[in-house]
Amino acid sequence: MFDWLFGKKESASIAKDRLTIAIMSDRDSMNELPFMDEMKAEIVEVVKKYVGVRAVDIKKEVHGELEALSIDVELDSGEVENYKKLKQTKK
């Protein structure tokens, strides 16, 4: 209807958009590695030796040609305060 005003999107542009969405979807499916649950449990156990842990989130990320694991550890708020106090006493 408003093609004369905004211009009609060419089929090559539409195909490129669809391909981009397909690639992004495929990369999302790579986020789960077969050993992810086991690795998460081991990381929690190691971190728990030093501080309290609320949650751990591990993701596989792709940045261009590079792949990386992103690990987020949510600490117990009480444990964070204990760590700050311990750090201050060591100074």
Protein backbone atom coordinates (compact mmCIF):
# COMPACT_ATOMS: atom_id res chain seq x y z
CA MET A 1 0.00 0.00 0.00
CA PHE A 2 2.75 2.47 0.98
CA ASP A 3 5.37 0.89 -1.29
CA TRP A 4 5.56 4.06 -3.37
CA LEU A 5 6.47 6.06 -0.25
CA PHE A 6 8.82 3.72 1.62
CA GLY A 7 9.97 1.54 -1.27
CA LYS A 8 9.43 -2.18 -1.64
CA LYS A 9 11.84 -4.51 0.12
CA GLU A 10 13.69 -6.56 -2.51
CA SER A 11 13.64 -10.35 -2.34
CA ALA A 12 17.44 -10.49 -1.84
CA SER A 13 17.09 -8.33 1.27
CA ILE A 14 14.27 -10.51 2.59
CA ALA A 15 16.35 -13.67 1.97
CA LYS A 16 19.32 -12.12 3.80
CA ASP A 17 17.12 -11.30 6.81
CA ARG A 18 15.76 -14.86 6.89
CA LEU A 19 19.27 -16.33 6.64
CA THR A 20 20.46 -14.11 9.51
CA ILE A 21 17.57 -15.32 11.68
CA ALA A 22 18.32 -18.97 10.78
CA ILE A 23 22.00 -18.57 11.67
CA MET A 24 21.13 -16.92 15.00
CA SER A 25 18.71 -19.75 15.81
CA ASP A 26 21.34 -22.36 14.98
CA ARG A 27 23.90 -20.67 17.23
CA ASP A 28 21.36 -20.61 20.07
CA SER A 29 20.97 -24.39 19.81
CA MET A 30 24.75 -24.75 20.29
CA ASN A 31 24.53 -23.10 23.73
CA GLU A 32 23.82 -26.39 25.47
CA LEU A 33 26.87 -28.63 25.56
CA PRO A 34 26.46 -32.30 26.56
CA PHE A 35 28.68 -31.90 29.64
CA MET A 36 27.14 -28.59 30.78
CA ASP A 37 25.22 -29.98 33.79
CA GLU A 38 28.22 -31.91 35.09
CA MET A 39 30.52 -28.90 34.66
CA LYS A 40 28.02 -26.63 36.42
CA ALA A 41 27.85 -29.02 39.42
CA GLU A 42 31.64 -29.19 39.67
CA ILE A 43 31.99 -25.39 39.52
CA VAL A 44 29.38 -24.97 42.26
CA GLU A 45 31.27 -27.42 44.50
CA VAL A 46 34.58 -25.61 44.01
CA VAL A 47 33.10 -22.15 44.65
CA LYS A 48 31.17 -23.45 47.69
CA LYS A 49 34.50 -24.27 49.35
CA TYR A 50 35.07 -20.53 49.69
CA VAL A 51 31.66 -18.78 49.59
CA GLY A 52 27.94 -19.50 49.50
CA VAL A 53 26.41 -19.88 46.05
CA ARG A 54 22.84 -19.10 45.04
CA ALA A 55 23.00 -19.94 41.33
CA VAL A 56 25.39 -20.69 38.49
CA ASP A 57 24.68 -20.01 34.83
CA ILE A 58 27.03 -21.26 32.11
CA LYS A 59 26.56 -20.41 28.44
CA LYS A 60 28.52 -21.07 25.30
CA GLU A 61 28.84 -17.82 23.34
CA VAL A 62 30.04 -17.28 19.78
CA HIS A 63 31.72 -13.98 18.90
CA GLY A 64 32.68 -14.07 15.24
CA GLU A 65 35.21 -16.89 14.93
CA LEU A 66 35.74 -17.16 18.70
CA GLU A 67 33.79 -19.39 21.07
CA ALA A 68 33.74 -18.74 24.80
CA LEU A 69 32.09 -20.07 27.94
CA SER A 70 30.43 -17.40 30.02
CA ILE A 71 30.09 -18.35 33.70
CA ASP A 72 27.94 -16.28 36.07
CA VAL A 73 27.96 -17.20 39.76
CA GLU A 74 25.40 -15.54 42.02
CA LEU A 75 26.75 -15.41 45.56
CA ASP A 76 24.76 -15.48 48.79
CA SER A 77 24.50 -11.90 50.05
CA GLY A 78 25.66 -12.92 53.55
CA GLU A 79 28.74 -14.58 52.12
CA VAL A 80 29.62 -11.45 50.17
CA GLU A 81 29.53 -9.41 53.38
CA ASN A 82 31.74 -11.99 55.15
CA TYR A 83 34.23 -11.80 52.28
CA LYS A 84 34.35 -7.99 52.48
CA LYS A 85 35.00 -8.15 56.24
CA LEU A 86 37.70 -10.79 55.80
CA LYS A 87 39.36 -8.73 53.08
CA GLN A 88 39.37 -5.61 55.31
CA THR A 89 40.99 -7.47 58.22
CA LYS A 90 43.83 -8.69 55.98
CA LYS A 91 44.84 -5.11 55.05
